[in-house]
Protein backbone atom coordinates (compact mmCIF):
# COMPACT_ATOMS: atom_id res chain seq x y z
CA MET A 1 3.76 -46.38 -39.26
CA LEU A 2 7.03 -44.52 -38.60
CA LEU A 3 9.58 -47.16 -39.82
CA GLU A 4 7.86 -48.88 -42.72
CA GLY A 5 10.44 -50.40 -45.07
CA LYS A 6 13.45 -49.78 -42.62
CA VAL A 7 15.74 -52.41 -41.28
CA VAL A 8 16.71 -52.11 -37.71
CA LEU A 9 19.48 -53.81 -35.67
CA ILE A 10 19.28 -53.60 -32.00
CA THR A 11 21.74 -55.12 -29.48
CA GLY A 12 20.92 -56.55 -26.03
CA ALA A 13 17.48 -57.62 -27.24
CA ALA A 14 17.12 -60.84 -25.31
CA ARG A 15 15.48 -59.07 -22.44
CA GLY A 16 14.73 -55.68 -20.83
CA ILE A 17 14.77 -52.41 -22.62
CA GLY A 18 16.20 -54.01 -25.78
CA ARG A 19 13.49 -56.60 -26.12
CA ALA A 20 10.67 -54.11 -25.44
CA THR A 21 12.15 -51.70 -27.98
CA ALA A 22 12.56 -54.38 -30.65
CA PHE A 23 8.82 -55.01 -30.41
CA ILE A 24 7.96 -51.41 -30.60
CA LEU A 25 10.17 -51.00 -33.68
CA ALA A 26 8.54 -53.91 -35.35
CA GLN A 27 5.09 -52.47 -34.59
CA GLU A 28 6.21 -49.34 -36.39
CA GLY A 29 6.79 -51.37 -39.46
CA ALA A 30 10.49 -52.19 -39.40
CA ALA A 31 12.21 -55.51 -40.06
CA VAL A 32 14.25 -56.13 -36.89
CA GLY A 33 17.56 -57.81 -36.51
CA VAL A 34 18.17 -58.65 -32.84
CA VAL A 35 21.59 -59.47 -31.35
CA ASP A 36 22.58 -60.67 -27.90
CA VAL A 37 25.10 -62.99 -26.34
CA LEU A 38 22.22 -64.75 -24.65
CA PRO A 39 20.44 -67.43 -26.71
CA GLU A 40 17.00 -66.15 -25.54
CA VAL A 41 17.38 -63.49 -28.29
CA GLU A 42 16.08 -66.18 -30.62
CA THR A 43 12.87 -66.15 -28.73
CA THR A 44 12.53 -62.41 -29.33
CA ALA A 45 12.95 -62.94 -32.99
CA ARG A 46 10.40 -65.76 -33.11
CA GLU A 47 7.81 -63.63 -31.26
CA ILE A 48 8.29 -60.72 -33.56
CA GLU A 49 7.81 -63.11 -36.55
CA LYS A 50 4.60 -64.34 -34.97
CA SER A 51 3.36 -60.73 -34.92
CA GLY A 52 3.71 -60.57 -38.63
CA ARG A 53 7.01 -58.72 -38.94
CA SER A 54 10.32 -59.96 -40.16
CA SER A 55 12.97 -60.66 -37.55
CA VAL A 56 16.34 -62.48 -37.58
CA ALA A 57 18.46 -63.22 -34.50
CA GLY A 58 22.18 -63.23 -34.16
CA ILE A 59 24.09 -64.50 -31.13
CA ALA A 60 27.27 -62.64 -30.58
CA ASP A 61 29.60 -61.19 -27.98
CA ILE A 62 29.66 -57.66 -29.31
CA SER A 63 33.10 -57.00 -27.79
CA ASP A 64 34.53 -59.32 -30.43
CA PRO A 65 34.65 -57.64 -33.87
CA GLY A 66 34.70 -61.07 -35.53
CA GLN A 67 31.51 -62.11 -33.89
CA VAL A 68 29.88 -58.76 -34.68
CA HIS A 69 30.78 -59.19 -38.38
CA ASP A 70 29.27 -62.69 -38.61
CA ALA A 71 26.14 -61.81 -36.70
CA VAL A 72 25.49 -58.57 -38.83
CA GLN A 73 26.16 -60.44 -42.07
CA GLY A 74 23.75 -63.18 -41.15
CA ILE A 75 21.06 -60.55 -40.44
CA VAL A 76 21.83 -58.49 -43.63
CA SER A 77 21.67 -61.64 -45.78
CA GLU A 78 18.08 -62.19 -44.57
CA LEU A 79 16.77 -58.60 -44.10
CA GLY A 80 19.03 -56.29 -46.23
CA ASP A 81 21.31 -53.53 -45.26
CA ILE A 82 20.90 -51.94 -41.81
CA ASN A 83 19.28 -48.50 -41.89
CA ILE A 84 18.88 -48.10 -38.13
CA LEU A 85 21.30 -49.21 -35.37
CA VAL A 86 20.31 -49.24 -31.70
CA ASN A 87 23.29 -49.88 -29.35
CA ASN A 88 21.43 -50.99 -26.28
CA ALA A 89 23.61 -53.85 -24.94
CA GLY A 90 25.18 -53.20 -21.62
CA ILE A 91 26.51 -55.12 -18.61
CA VAL A 92 27.49 -54.48 -14.95
CA LYS A 93 30.18 -57.05 -14.20
CA ASN A 94 30.35 -56.30 -10.49
CA ILE A 95 29.25 -53.58 -8.15
CA SER A 96 32.02 -52.49 -5.90
CA SER A 97 34.12 -49.43 -4.98
CA LEU A 98 36.95 -48.33 -7.39
CA THR A 99 39.52 -49.79 -4.97
CA LYS A 100 37.86 -53.11 -4.91
CA MET A 101 36.92 -53.40 -8.53
CA THR A 102 39.07 -55.87 -10.44
CA HIS A 103 40.93 -55.03 -13.66
CA GLU A 104 39.07 -57.89 -15.37
CA ALA A 105 35.65 -56.58 -14.43
CA TRP A 106 36.67 -52.99 -15.62
CA GLU A 107 38.03 -54.28 -18.96
CA ARG A 108 34.83 -56.42 -19.48
CA GLU A 109 32.43 -53.55 -18.84
CA ILE A 110 34.45 -51.15 -21.13
CA SER A 111 34.79 -53.83 -23.90
CA VAL A 112 31.01 -54.56 -23.98
CA ASN A 113 29.43 -51.24 -23.18
CA LEU A 114 31.71 -48.99 -25.13
CA SER A 115 33.87 -50.95 -27.54
CA GLY A 116 30.86 -53.07 -28.48
CA ALA A 117 29.00 -49.97 -29.61
CA PHE A 118 32.04 -48.99 -31.64
CA ASN A 119 32.23 -52.35 -33.21
CA MET A 120 28.58 -52.26 -34.18
CA ILE A 121 28.78 -48.85 -35.67
CA LYS A 122 31.94 -49.63 -37.65
CA GLU A 123 30.27 -52.77 -39.08
CA VAL A 124 26.96 -51.18 -40.30
CA ILE A 125 27.86 -47.56 -41.12
CA GLY A 126 29.18 -48.23 -44.59
CA PRO A 127 25.86 -48.80 -46.40
CA MET A 128 24.41 -45.84 -44.47
CA ILE A 129 27.09 -43.58 -45.93
CA GLU A 130 26.52 -44.94 -49.42
CA LYS A 131 22.76 -44.43 -49.26
CA LYS A 132 23.07 -41.05 -47.47
CA TRP A 133 20.63 -42.06 -44.74
CA GLY A 134 21.03 -43.65 -41.42
CA ARG A 135 20.03 -43.54 -37.74
CA ILE A 136 22.26 -44.52 -34.81
CA ILE A 137 20.77 -44.48 -31.36
CA ASN A 138 23.09 -45.23 -28.34
CA ILE A 139 21.60 -46.16 -25.02
CA SER A 140 23.70 -44.76 -22.15
CA SER A 141 22.56 -43.91 -18.59
CA ILE A 142 22.12 -40.81 -16.43
CA GLY A 143 25.14 -42.19 -14.51
CA ALA A 144 27.21 -41.06 -17.51
CA THR A 145 26.89 -37.51 -16.49
CA GLY A 146 26.58 -37.78 -12.70
CA GLY A 147 28.56 -40.95 -11.87
CA LEU A 148 27.18 -43.96 -10.12
CA HIS A 149 28.26 -45.03 -6.57
CA HIS A 150 30.10 -48.38 -6.75
CA GLN A 151 29.67 -48.68 -10.51
CA VAL A 152 32.81 -46.98 -11.80
CA GLY A 153 33.33 -49.15 -14.81
CA TYR A 154 29.61 -48.96 -15.93
CA ALA A 155 29.47 -45.20 -15.41
CA ALA A 156 32.73 -44.64 -17.29
CA SER A 157 31.72 -46.84 -20.20
CA LYS A 158 28.37 -45.21 -20.56
CA ALA A 159 30.06 -41.82 -20.37
CA GLY A 160 32.22 -42.94 -23.30
CA LEU A 161 29.07 -43.34 -25.36
CA LEU A 162 28.48 -39.59 -25.10
CA GLY A 163 31.78 -38.83 -26.82
CA LEU A 164 31.26 -41.57 -29.38
CA THR A 165 27.85 -40.18 -30.26
CA LYS A 166 29.07 -36.62 -30.73
CA THR A 167 32.07 -37.73 -32.85
CA VAL A 168 29.82 -39.82 -35.14
CA THR A 169 27.61 -36.74 -35.51
CA LEU A 170 30.49 -34.46 -36.50
CA GLU A 171 31.98 -36.88 -38.91
CA HIS A 172 28.84 -38.17 -40.67
CA ALA A 173 26.03 -35.60 -40.40
CA ARG A 174 26.70 -34.66 -44.01
CA ASP A 175 26.15 -38.33 -44.97
CA GLY A 176 22.57 -38.09 -43.89
CA ILE A 177 23.28 -39.89 -40.66
CA THR A 178 21.97 -38.90 -37.31
CA CYS A 179 23.50 -40.20 -34.04
CA ASN A 180 21.87 -39.55 -30.73
CA VAL A 181 22.23 -40.91 -27.21
CA ILE A 182 19.50 -41.73 -24.67
CA LEU A 183 20.14 -41.60 -20.95
CA PRO A 184 17.67 -43.76 -19.06
CA GLY A 185 17.22 -43.42 -15.37
CA LEU A 186 15.49 -46.01 -13.07
CA ILE A 187 13.54 -48.19 -15.53
CA GLY A 188 11.33 -51.06 -14.73
CA THR A 189 13.51 -53.85 -16.03
CA GLU A 190 13.63 -57.37 -14.59
CA LEU A 191 16.79 -56.40 -12.72
CA VAL A 192 15.11 -53.38 -11.11
CA HIS A 193 12.04 -55.33 -10.09
CA GLN A 194 14.23 -57.83 -8.32
CA MET A 195 15.77 -55.11 -6.27
CA PRO A 196 14.88 -55.09 -2.52
CA GLU A 197 11.91 -52.97 -1.94
CA GLU A 198 13.70 -50.82 0.61
CA ILE A 199 16.21 -49.83 -2.02
CA LYS A 200 13.48 -48.90 -4.51
CA GLU A 201 11.52 -46.94 -1.80
CA ALA A 202 14.79 -45.12 -0.97
CA ALA A 203 15.52 -44.16 -4.57
CA LEU A 204 12.08 -42.99 -5.59
CA PRO A 205 12.31 -39.66 -3.69
CA LEU A 206 15.11 -38.76 -5.99
CA ILE A 207 12.70 -38.95 -9.02
CA PRO A 208 10.52 -35.79 -9.34
CA THR A 209 7.80 -37.89 -11.01
CA ARG A 210 7.89 -40.34 -7.99
CA ARG A 211 7.78 -43.47 -10.10
CA ILE A 212 9.99 -45.96 -11.90
CA GLY A 213 10.03 -45.51 -15.72
CA GLN A 214 8.61 -48.07 -18.15
CA MET A 215 10.70 -49.77 -20.69
CA GLU A 216 8.31 -48.82 -23.33
CA GLU A 217 8.90 -45.10 -22.51
CA VAL A 218 12.53 -45.61 -23.71
CA GLY A 219 11.39 -47.68 -26.70
CA HIS A 220 8.94 -45.13 -27.99
CA LEU A 221 11.75 -42.45 -27.95
CA VAL A 222 13.96 -44.80 -29.87
CA SER A 223 11.26 -45.26 -32.40
CA PHE A 224 10.90 -41.51 -32.92
CA LEU A 225 14.63 -40.85 -33.15
CA ALA A 226 14.84 -43.67 -35.82
CA SER A 227 12.13 -42.12 -37.93
CA GLU A 228 12.16 -39.42 -40.72
CA LYS A 229 10.54 -37.10 -38.21
CA ALA A 230 13.74 -36.81 -36.21
CA GLY A 231 16.08 -35.85 -39.08
CA TYR A 232 17.10 -32.56 -37.46
CA ILE A 233 17.90 -34.04 -34.08
CA ASN A 234 21.58 -34.90 -34.12
CA GLY A 235 24.39 -35.41 -31.48
CA SER A 236 21.87 -35.00 -28.68
CA GLU A 237 21.86 -36.33 -25.17
CA ILE A 238 18.19 -37.14 -24.24
CA PRO A 239 17.32 -38.24 -20.68
CA VAL A 240 14.45 -40.57 -19.94
CA ASP A 241 14.52 -40.40 -16.19
CA GLY A 242 11.48 -38.56 -14.80
CA GLY A 243 13.79 -35.74 -13.84
CA MET A 244 16.13 -38.01 -11.80
CA ARG A 245 19.23 -36.35 -13.33
CA LEU A 246 18.46 -33.15 -11.32
CA ASN A 247 19.25 -35.14 -8.16
CA VAL A 248 21.84 -37.52 -9.52
CA SER A 249 24.60 -35.78 -7.60
CA THR A 250 22.91 -36.89 -4.45
CA LEU A 251 23.46 -40.54 -5.35
CA GLY A 252 26.27 -40.85 -2.95
CA SER A 253 25.66 -43.86 -0.56
CA ARG A 254 22.75 -45.94 0.41
CA LYS A 255 22.63 -44.10 3.76
CA GLU A 256 22.35 -40.76 2.00
CA ILE A 257 19.54 -42.13 -0.29
CA ARG A 258 17.57 -43.45 2.70
CA GLU A 259 17.71 -40.10 4.50
CA MET A 260 15.68 -38.55 1.68
CA ARG A 261 11.92 -38.90 2.14
CA GLY A 262 8.77 -37.98 0.15
CA PRO A 263 5.56 -39.37 -1.13
CA VAL A 264 5.86 -41.92 -3.92
CA SER A 265 3.63 -43.35 -6.64
CA ARG A 266 3.27 -47.16 -7.23
CA LYS A 267 2.65 -46.52 -11.03
CA GLY A 268 5.14 -47.96 -13.40
């Protein structure tokens, strides 16, 4: 197992990619702390425990440093110091053009998606520095590099994670800490499956592999980056998108997407 004896903390673990990744990390031998603002995160922890691995849940709004501190300390008291941090939590407050987006929605997306990751890193990095070993994996989006139509706050906050990742690498590589960022494309989360079929059918031609990605495909990459085997991978931006980033500049309007055609696969 890749992560035997390690302690992981993953945010946004109540559902979606975070939940799927938490189970994969547990299967690889890690004790897993799971954090989310949603109380369903406690179900994630209970199910990991049933599988025979240790898990502790913390309910927190990660945009609040005080709540982050309390959640992390609760997990550390049960599992020990955090070796591996996965900043997965992210929100889309509203989908609208820049001119229609509210200041409140902008501030909320930045505070959770970007400041939340900063708060988590700041809270857990001390013991990593002391022990000269740590892994930090940030989950961004292909929209961080190509932009996202009507999602200016989300795209900007996820782009900020790229700069955060590289700065952590520059400052802490000599402390034995790696920091990398994953850029998922269209992944089969509950939210994506609830999208209208016409939207998914229109988007699939933008993906060279012609399918939606699976949450576990992100989780397995996280598991590798968290392991000893990935010690020389640092400060990297790694897409998990089936090649979608090659066409991301075409993600202009729904009309433009619909004009693109091509055979698609139902797999995934």
